[in-house]
Amino acid sequence: ADAAHGLGGHVMADGGCSSPGHVAKAFAAGADFVMLGGMFAGHDESGGELVKGKNGKMYKSFYGMSSSKAMETHYGEVAKHRAPEGKEVRVPYRGPLSITIQAILGGVRSACSYVGARRIKDLPKCTTFIRVTQTTNEVYQRFNVEE
């Protein structure tokens, strides 16, 4: 990120964010932008058909912009020089996007408070990443409350 910024460039975290913590970590690693298509899928404001599954639950169709479905929808065909990436899936219906946006904002605010960053821009300067093993994470499983 420092190299890109030193040249006047920008860094984008392209995919993989599925929780507010992932968004905060992307900013902490130096990203200027994050792509959140997967996190935004399934909401009222997202594209895709709303359908009822066999289990009675509601779902919305979702496809990545490099998928065959996207190329056929927006360009009429899959270009011969392009290899499609991703696929079309149905994701659980999630209601209004504002709920997810508030969760993301809360996660980024929490991350800033944990590391002492006053602004998102300060996160990379204030953050130190450490490796956490699966064993370390499992230590707290015994405290998980069953419903």
N, C-alpha and C. Protein backbone atom coordinates (compact mmCIF):
# COMPACT_ATOMS: atom_id res chain seq x y z
N ALA A 1 0.83 -1.19 0.00
CA ALA A 1 0.00 0.00 0.00
C ALA A 1 0.87 1.25 0.00
N ASP A 2 1.96 1.22 0.79
CA ASP A 2 2.84 2.39 0.84
C ASP A 2 3.44 2.68 -0.53
N ALA A 3 3.82 1.62 -1.26
CA ALA A 3 4.41 1.81 -2.59
C ALA A 3 3.42 2.46 -3.54
N ALA A 4 2.18 1.97 -3.53
CA ALA A 4 1.14 2.55 -4.41
C ALA A 4 0.87 4.00 -4.03
N HIS A 5 0.74 4.25 -2.76
CA HIS A 5 0.47 5.62 -2.31
C HIS A 5 1.64 6.54 -2.63
N GLY A 6 2.86 6.02 -2.55
CA GLY A 6 4.04 6.82 -2.88
C GLY A 6 4.07 7.25 -4.33
N LEU A 7 3.41 6.48 -5.19
CA LEU A 7 3.33 6.82 -6.62
C LEU A 7 2.05 7.57 -6.96
N GLY A 8 1.27 7.92 -5.94
CA GLY A 8 0.01 8.62 -6.17
C GLY A 8 -1.13 7.68 -6.53
N GLY A 9 -0.92 6.39 -6.34
CA GLY A 9 -1.96 5.40 -6.67
C GLY A 9 -2.86 5.13 -5.48
N HIS A 10 -3.85 4.30 -5.74
CA HIS A 10 -4.80 3.90 -4.71
C HIS A 10 -4.82 2.39 -4.61
N VAL A 11 -5.25 1.88 -3.47
CA VAL A 11 -5.33 0.45 -3.22
C VAL A 11 -6.78 0.08 -2.97
N MET A 12 -7.26 -0.96 -3.67
CA MET A 12 -8.62 -1.42 -3.48
C MET A 12 -8.61 -2.87 -3.01
N ALA A 13 -9.33 -3.14 -1.93
CA ALA A 13 -9.52 -4.51 -1.47
C ALA A 13 -10.64 -5.09 -2.31
N ASP A 14 -10.31 -6.03 -3.19
CA ASP A 14 -11.25 -6.54 -4.17
C ASP A 14 -11.76 -7.92 -3.76
N GLY A 15 -12.84 -7.93 -3.04
CA GLY A 15 -13.49 -9.18 -2.68
C GLY A 15 -12.97 -9.78 -1.39
N GLY A 16 -13.74 -10.71 -0.86
CA GLY A 16 -13.34 -11.43 0.34
C GLY A 16 -13.89 -10.86 1.63
N CYS A 17 -14.42 -9.67 1.62
CA CYS A 17 -14.99 -9.09 2.84
C CYS A 17 -16.38 -9.68 3.07
N SER A 18 -16.54 -10.34 4.21
CA SER A 18 -17.85 -10.89 4.53
C SER A 18 -18.32 -10.48 5.93
N SER A 19 -17.54 -9.63 6.59
CA SER A 19 -17.93 -9.15 7.91
C SER A 19 -17.37 -7.74 8.12
N PRO A 20 -17.94 -6.99 9.06
CA PRO A 20 -17.40 -5.66 9.35
C PRO A 20 -15.92 -5.71 9.73
N GLY A 21 -15.50 -6.76 10.41
CA GLY A 21 -14.09 -6.90 10.78
C GLY A 21 -13.18 -7.00 9.58
N HIS A 22 -13.64 -7.68 8.52
CA HIS A 22 -12.84 -7.78 7.29
C HIS A 22 -12.66 -6.40 6.66
N VAL A 23 -13.71 -5.60 6.67
CA VAL A 23 -13.63 -4.25 6.10
C VAL A 23 -12.61 -3.42 6.88
N ALA A 24 -12.69 -3.48 8.21
CA ALA A 24 -11.76 -2.73 9.05
C ALA A 24 -10.32 -3.19 8.80
N LYS A 25 -10.11 -4.50 8.66
CA LYS A 25 -8.75 -5.01 8.41
C LYS A 25 -8.24 -4.57 7.05
N ALA A 26 -9.11 -4.49 6.06
CA ALA A 26 -8.68 -4.02 4.73
C ALA A 26 -8.19 -2.57 4.82
N PHE A 27 -8.94 -1.73 5.51
CA PHE A 27 -8.51 -0.34 5.70
C PHE A 27 -7.22 -0.28 6.51
N ALA A 28 -7.12 -1.11 7.54
CA ALA A 28 -5.92 -1.13 8.38
C ALA A 28 -4.69 -1.57 7.59
N ALA A 29 -4.90 -2.42 6.59
CA ALA A 29 -3.79 -2.89 5.75
C ALA A 29 -3.41 -1.87 4.68
N GLY A 30 -4.16 -0.78 4.58
CA GLY A 30 -3.81 0.28 3.65
C GLY A 30 -4.75 0.50 2.49
N ALA A 31 -5.86 -0.24 2.44
CA ALA A 31 -6.82 -0.05 1.34
C ALA A 31 -7.47 1.33 1.42
N ASP A 32 -7.66 1.92 0.26
CA ASP A 32 -8.39 3.19 0.17
C ASP A 32 -9.87 2.94 -0.07
N PHE A 33 -10.18 1.79 -0.68
CA PHE A 33 -11.54 1.40 -1.04
C PHE A 33 -11.71 -0.08 -0.74
N VAL A 34 -12.94 -0.52 -0.53
CA VAL A 34 -13.25 -1.94 -0.42
C VAL A 34 -14.44 -2.25 -1.33
N MET A 35 -14.38 -3.39 -1.98
CA MET A 35 -15.51 -3.83 -2.80
C MET A 35 -16.36 -4.75 -1.94
N LEU A 36 -17.65 -4.46 -1.85
CA LEU A 36 -18.51 -5.16 -0.91
C LEU A 36 -19.73 -5.78 -1.57
N GLY A 37 -19.60 -6.20 -2.82
CA GLY A 37 -20.73 -6.78 -3.53
C GLY A 37 -21.37 -7.93 -2.79
N GLY A 38 -20.56 -8.84 -2.26
CA GLY A 38 -21.10 -9.99 -1.54
C GLY A 38 -21.81 -9.59 -0.26
N MET A 39 -21.27 -8.59 0.43
CA MET A 39 -21.92 -8.13 1.67
C MET A 39 -23.21 -7.39 1.38
N PHE A 40 -23.29 -6.74 0.22
CA PHE A 40 -24.48 -5.98 -0.13
C PHE A 40 -25.54 -6.85 -0.82
N ALA A 41 -25.16 -8.03 -1.27
CA ALA A 41 -26.11 -8.92 -1.95
C ALA A 41 -27.21 -9.35 -0.98
N GLY A 42 -28.40 -9.54 -1.51
CA GLY A 42 -29.51 -10.04 -0.71
C GLY A 42 -30.35 -8.96 -0.05
N HIS A 43 -29.95 -7.71 -0.18
CA HIS A 43 -30.70 -6.62 0.44
C HIS A 43 -31.76 -6.06 -0.51
N ASP A 44 -32.66 -5.27 0.05
CA ASP A 44 -33.72 -4.65 -0.75
C ASP A 44 -33.15 -3.85 -1.91
N GLU A 45 -32.05 -3.12 -1.66
CA GLU A 45 -31.49 -2.22 -2.66
C GLU A 45 -30.63 -2.92 -3.70
N SER A 46 -30.30 -4.17 -3.48
CA SER A 46 -29.45 -4.88 -4.44
C SER A 46 -30.28 -5.44 -5.58
N GLY A 47 -29.61 -5.64 -6.71
CA GLY A 47 -30.29 -6.24 -7.84
C GLY A 47 -30.57 -7.70 -7.56
N GLY A 48 -31.22 -8.33 -8.46
CA GLY A 48 -31.49 -9.76 -8.32
C GLY A 48 -32.94 -10.01 -7.98
N GLU A 49 -33.40 -11.13 -8.47
CA GLU A 49 -34.78 -11.53 -8.27
C GLU A 49 -34.98 -12.07 -6.86
N LEU A 50 -36.06 -11.67 -6.21
CA LEU A 50 -36.42 -12.19 -4.89
C LEU A 50 -37.28 -13.43 -5.10
N VAL A 51 -36.83 -14.57 -4.57
CA VAL A 51 -37.55 -15.84 -4.76
C VAL A 51 -37.70 -16.56 -3.42
N LYS A 52 -38.76 -17.37 -3.36
CA LYS A 52 -38.99 -18.18 -2.16
C LYS A 52 -38.39 -19.56 -2.42
N GLY A 53 -37.54 -20.01 -1.49
CA GLY A 53 -36.92 -21.33 -1.61
C GLY A 53 -37.88 -22.43 -1.21
N LYS A 54 -37.48 -23.68 -1.48
CA LYS A 54 -38.30 -24.84 -1.12
C LYS A 54 -38.52 -24.92 0.39
N ASN A 55 -37.59 -24.34 1.15
CA ASN A 55 -37.70 -24.34 2.61
C ASN A 55 -38.60 -23.22 3.13
N GLY A 56 -39.15 -22.40 2.22
CA GLY A 56 -40.02 -21.30 2.60
C GLY A 56 -39.30 -19.99 2.89
N LYS A 57 -37.96 -20.02 2.92
CA LYS A 57 -37.19 -18.80 3.17
C LYS A 57 -37.01 -18.03 1.87
N MET A 58 -36.79 -16.72 2.01
CA MET A 58 -36.62 -15.85 0.85
C MET A 58 -35.14 -15.70 0.50
N TYR A 59 -34.87 -15.64 -0.82
CA TYR A 59 -33.51 -15.51 -1.34
C TYR A 59 -33.49 -14.49 -2.48
N LYS A 60 -32.30 -13.94 -2.75
CA LYS A 60 -32.11 -13.07 -3.91
C LYS A 60 -30.97 -13.63 -4.74
N SER A 61 -31.11 -13.51 -6.06
CA SER A 61 -30.05 -13.93 -6.97
C SER A 61 -28.90 -12.95 -6.88
N PHE A 62 -27.68 -13.47 -7.02
CA PHE A 62 -26.48 -12.63 -6.97
C PHE A 62 -25.44 -13.22 -7.90
N TYR A 63 -24.78 -12.37 -8.66
CA TYR A 63 -23.66 -12.83 -9.49
C TYR A 63 -22.59 -11.76 -9.52
N GLY A 64 -21.34 -12.20 -9.57
CA GLY A 64 -20.21 -11.28 -9.65
C GLY A 64 -20.12 -10.69 -11.05
N MET A 65 -19.51 -9.53 -11.16
CA MET A 65 -19.46 -8.82 -12.44
C MET A 65 -18.49 -9.44 -13.44
N SER A 66 -17.72 -10.45 -13.04
CA SER A 66 -16.86 -11.16 -13.99
C SER A 66 -17.42 -12.54 -14.33
N SER A 67 -18.64 -12.83 -13.88
CA SER A 67 -19.25 -14.13 -14.14
C SER A 67 -19.84 -14.20 -15.55
N SER A 68 -20.11 -15.41 -16.00
CA SER A 68 -20.76 -15.60 -17.30
C SER A 68 -22.10 -14.86 -17.35
N LYS A 69 -22.87 -14.95 -16.27
CA LYS A 69 -24.18 -14.29 -16.20
C LYS A 69 -24.04 -12.78 -16.41
N ALA A 70 -23.06 -12.16 -15.77
CA ALA A 70 -22.87 -10.71 -15.91
C ALA A 70 -22.49 -10.35 -17.34
N MET A 71 -21.58 -11.11 -17.93
CA MET A 71 -21.15 -10.80 -19.30
C MET A 71 -22.30 -10.96 -20.28
N GLU A 72 -23.10 -12.02 -20.11
CA GLU A 72 -24.24 -12.23 -21.00
C GLU A 72 -25.30 -11.14 -20.80
N THR A 73 -25.54 -10.75 -19.57
CA THR A 73 -26.54 -9.73 -19.27
C THR A 73 -26.14 -8.36 -19.78
N HIS A 74 -24.88 -7.98 -19.58
CA HIS A 74 -24.44 -6.62 -19.89
C HIS A 74 -23.79 -6.46 -21.26
N TYR A 75 -23.27 -7.56 -21.82
CA TYR A 75 -22.58 -7.46 -23.12
C TYR A 75 -23.16 -8.39 -24.18
N GLY A 76 -24.14 -9.21 -23.79
CA GLY A 76 -24.79 -10.10 -24.75
C GLY A 76 -24.11 -11.44 -24.93
N GLU A 77 -22.86 -11.57 -24.50
CA GLU A 77 -22.14 -12.83 -24.61
C GLU A 77 -20.88 -12.79 -23.75
N VAL A 78 -20.29 -13.96 -23.57
CA VAL A 78 -18.99 -14.04 -22.90
C VAL A 78 -17.94 -13.79 -23.97
N ALA A 79 -17.15 -12.76 -23.80
CA ALA A 79 -16.12 -12.41 -24.79
C ALA A 79 -15.13 -13.57 -24.94
N LYS A 80 -14.73 -13.83 -26.18
CA LYS A 80 -13.82 -14.94 -26.46
C LYS A 80 -12.48 -14.78 -25.76
N HIS A 81 -12.05 -13.55 -25.56
CA HIS A 81 -10.75 -13.31 -24.94
C HIS A 81 -10.81 -13.27 -23.41
N ARG A 82 -11.99 -13.49 -22.83
CA ARG A 82 -12.15 -13.43 -21.38
C ARG A 82 -12.55 -14.78 -20.83
N ALA A 83 -12.02 -15.11 -19.70
CA ALA A 83 -12.44 -16.31 -18.98
C ALA A 83 -13.37 -15.86 -17.86
N PRO A 84 -14.60 -16.37 -17.84
CA PRO A 84 -15.52 -15.95 -16.78
C PRO A 84 -15.01 -16.39 -15.40
N GLU A 85 -15.26 -15.55 -14.43
CA GLU A 85 -14.90 -15.85 -13.04
C GLU A 85 -16.15 -15.73 -12.20
N GLY A 86 -16.28 -16.57 -11.22
CA GLY A 86 -17.43 -16.50 -10.34
C GLY A 86 -18.63 -17.22 -10.92
N LYS A 87 -19.73 -17.17 -10.18
CA LYS A 87 -20.94 -17.86 -10.60
C LYS A 87 -22.15 -17.13 -10.07
N GLU A 88 -23.30 -17.58 -10.51
CA GLU A 88 -24.56 -17.02 -10.02
C GLU A 88 -25.03 -17.87 -8.85
N VAL A 89 -25.41 -17.22 -7.77
CA VAL A 89 -25.88 -17.94 -6.58
C VAL A 89 -27.13 -17.25 -6.03
N ARG A 90 -27.80 -17.93 -5.14
CA ARG A 90 -28.91 -17.32 -4.40
C ARG A 90 -28.44 -17.13 -2.97
N VAL A 91 -28.61 -15.92 -2.46
CA VAL A 91 -28.19 -15.61 -1.09
C VAL A 91 -29.43 -15.30 -0.26
N PRO A 92 -29.37 -15.56 1.04
CA PRO A 92 -30.52 -15.27 1.89
C PRO A 92 -30.92 -13.80 1.81
N TYR A 93 -32.22 -13.57 1.77
CA TYR A 93 -32.75 -12.20 1.77
C TYR A 93 -32.39 -11.56 3.11
N ARG A 94 -31.91 -10.31 3.07
CA ARG A 94 -31.39 -9.66 4.27
C ARG A 94 -32.08 -8.35 4.63
N GLY A 95 -33.14 -7.97 3.94
CA GLY A 95 -33.85 -6.75 4.30
C GLY A 95 -33.13 -5.50 3.84
N PRO A 96 -33.34 -4.38 4.55
CA PRO A 96 -32.74 -3.11 4.12
C PRO A 96 -31.22 -3.07 4.30
N LEU A 97 -30.55 -2.44 3.35
CA LEU A 97 -29.09 -2.33 3.36
C LEU A 97 -28.60 -1.51 4.55
N SER A 98 -29.42 -0.61 5.05
CA SER A 98 -28.99 0.28 6.15
C SER A 98 -28.51 -0.50 7.37
N ILE A 99 -29.08 -1.67 7.62
CA ILE A 99 -28.67 -2.49 8.76
C ILE A 99 -27.21 -2.94 8.59
N THR A 100 -26.87 -3.40 7.41
CA THR A 100 -25.50 -3.84 7.13
C THR A 100 -24.53 -2.67 7.13
N ILE A 101 -24.95 -1.54 6.57
CA ILE A 101 -24.10 -0.35 6.55
C ILE A 101 -23.77 0.08 7.98
N GLN A 102 -24.77 0.08 8.85
CA GLN A 102 -24.53 0.47 10.24
C GLN A 102 -23.57 -0.51 10.93
N ALA A 103 -23.68 -1.80 10.62
CA ALA A 103 -22.76 -2.79 11.19
C ALA A 103 -21.33 -2.54 10.71
N ILE A 104 -21.17 -2.23 9.42
CA ILE A 104 -19.83 -1.94 8.87
C ILE A 104 -19.25 -0.70 9.53
N LEU A 105 -20.05 0.36 9.61
CA LEU A 105 -19.57 1.60 10.24
C LEU A 105 -19.19 1.36 11.70
N GLY A 106 -19.99 0.59 12.40
CA GLY A 106 -19.68 0.27 13.79
C GLY A 106 -18.39 -0.52 13.92
N GLY A 107 -18.18 -1.48 13.01
CA GLY A 107 -16.95 -2.27 13.02
C GLY A 107 -15.72 -1.43 12.76
N VAL A 108 -15.82 -0.52 11.81
CA VAL A 108 -14.67 0.35 11.50
C VAL A 108 -14.42 1.32 12.66
N ARG A 109 -15.49 1.84 13.26
CA ARG A 109 -15.31 2.72 14.43
C ARG A 109 -14.63 1.97 15.58
N SER A 110 -15.07 0.74 15.82
CA SER A 110 -14.46 -0.06 16.88
C SER A 110 -12.99 -0.29 16.61
N ALA A 111 -12.65 -0.65 15.38
CA ALA A 111 -11.25 -0.88 15.02
C ALA A 111 -10.43 0.37 15.26
N CYS A 112 -10.96 1.52 14.87
CA CYS A 112 -10.25 2.79 15.09
C CYS A 112 -10.02 3.02 16.58
N SER A 113 -11.04 2.74 17.40
CA SER A 113 -10.89 2.97 18.84
C SER A 113 -9.89 1.99 19.45
N TYR A 114 -9.86 0.73 18.98
CA TYR A 114 -8.92 -0.26 19.52
C TYR A 114 -7.47 0.14 19.30
N VAL A 115 -7.17 0.74 18.13
CA VAL A 115 -5.77 1.04 17.78
C VAL A 115 -5.42 2.52 17.96
N GLY A 116 -6.38 3.34 18.35
CA GLY A 116 -6.11 4.75 18.59
C GLY A 116 -6.08 5.61 17.34
N ALA A 117 -6.77 5.17 16.30
CA ALA A 117 -6.83 5.96 15.05
C ALA A 117 -8.01 6.91 15.11
N ARG A 118 -7.77 8.17 14.81
CA ARG A 118 -8.85 9.16 14.82
C ARG A 118 -9.64 9.14 13.51
N ARG A 119 -9.01 8.67 12.44
CA ARG A 119 -9.64 8.63 11.12
C ARG A 119 -9.29 7.30 10.45
N ILE A 120 -10.10 6.90 9.48
CA ILE A 120 -9.81 5.69 8.70
C ILE A 120 -8.42 5.81 8.08
N LYS A 121 -8.10 6.99 7.61
CA LYS A 121 -6.80 7.24 6.98
C LYS A 121 -5.64 6.91 7.92
N ASP A 122 -5.86 7.02 9.22
CA ASP A 122 -4.81 6.75 10.22
C ASP A 122 -4.68 5.28 10.60
N LEU A 123 -5.65 4.45 10.22
CA LEU A 123 -5.63 3.05 10.63
C LEU A 123 -4.31 2.34 10.28
N PRO A 124 -3.80 2.44 9.05
CA PRO A 124 -2.56 1.71 8.75
C PRO A 124 -1.37 2.13 9.62
N LYS A 125 -1.31 3.39 9.99
CA LYS A 125 -0.20 3.88 10.82
C LYS A 125 -0.31 3.38 12.26
N CYS A 126 -1.52 3.12 12.70
CA CYS A 126 -1.75 2.75 14.10
C CYS A 126 -1.87 1.24 14.31
N THR A 127 -1.94 0.47 13.23
CA THR A 127 -2.24 -0.95 13.33
C THR A 127 -0.99 -1.81 13.21
N THR A 128 -0.93 -2.84 14.04
CA THR A 128 0.08 -3.89 13.92
C THR A 128 -0.66 -5.20 13.78
N PHE A 129 -0.37 -5.95 12.73
CA PHE A 129 -1.02 -7.24 12.53
C PHE A 129 -0.20 -8.32 13.22
N ILE A 130 -0.89 -9.27 13.85
CA ILE A 130 -0.23 -10.43 14.44
C ILE A 130 -0.92 -11.68 13.91
N ARG A 131 -0.18 -12.77 13.85
CA ARG A 131 -0.75 -14.04 13.40
C ARG A 131 -1.50 -14.67 14.57
N VAL A 132 -2.73 -15.07 14.33
CA VAL A 132 -3.54 -15.76 15.33
C VAL A 132 -3.84 -17.14 14.78
N THR A 133 -3.48 -18.17 15.52
CA THR A 133 -3.71 -19.53 15.05
C THR A 133 -5.12 -19.98 15.37
N GLN A 134 -5.54 -21.04 14.69
CA GLN A 134 -6.86 -21.61 14.95
C GLN A 134 -6.95 -22.07 16.40
N THR A 135 -5.87 -22.62 16.93
CA THR A 135 -5.85 -23.06 18.32
C THR A 135 -6.17 -21.91 19.26
N THR A 136 -5.59 -20.75 18.99
CA THR A 136 -5.86 -19.58 19.82
C THR A 136 -7.33 -19.22 19.78
N ASN A 137 -7.92 -19.27 18.59
CA ASN A 137 -9.34 -18.93 18.46
C ASN A 137 -10.23 -19.94 19.18
N GLU A 138 -9.85 -21.21 19.20
CA GLU A 138 -10.67 -22.24 19.81
C GLU A 138 -10.70 -22.16 21.33
N VAL A 139 -9.74 -21.47 21.93
CA VAL A 139 -9.69 -21.33 23.37
C VAL A 139 -11.00 -20.76 23.91
N TYR A 140 -11.61 -19.85 23.16
CA TYR A 140 -12.81 -19.18 23.65
C TYR A 140 -14.10 -19.92 23.30
N GLN A 141 -14.04 -21.01 22.58
CA GLN A 141 -15.24 -21.75 22.20
C GLN A 141 -16.00 -22.27 23.41
N ARG A 142 -15.30 -22.63 24.46
CA ARG A 142 -15.98 -23.18 25.64
C ARG A 142 -16.90 -22.16 26.31
N PHE A 143 -16.69 -20.87 26.01
CA PHE A 143 -17.52 -19.83 26.60
C PHE A 143 -18.73 -19.49 25.74
N ASN A 144 -18.87 -20.16 24.60
CA ASN A 144 -19.97 -19.89 23.70
C ASN A 144 -21.28 -20.35 24.35
N VAL A 145 -22.27 -19.49 24.39
CA VAL A 145 -23.55 -19.80 25.02
C VAL A 145 -24.45 -20.47 23.99
N GLU A 146 -24.98 -21.62 24.35
CA GLU A 146 -25.91 -22.34 23.48
C GLU A 146 -27.31 -21.79 23.70
N GLU A 147 -28.06 -21.69 22.61
CA GLU A 147 -29.44 -21.20 22.73
C GLU A 147 -30.39 -22.36 22.83
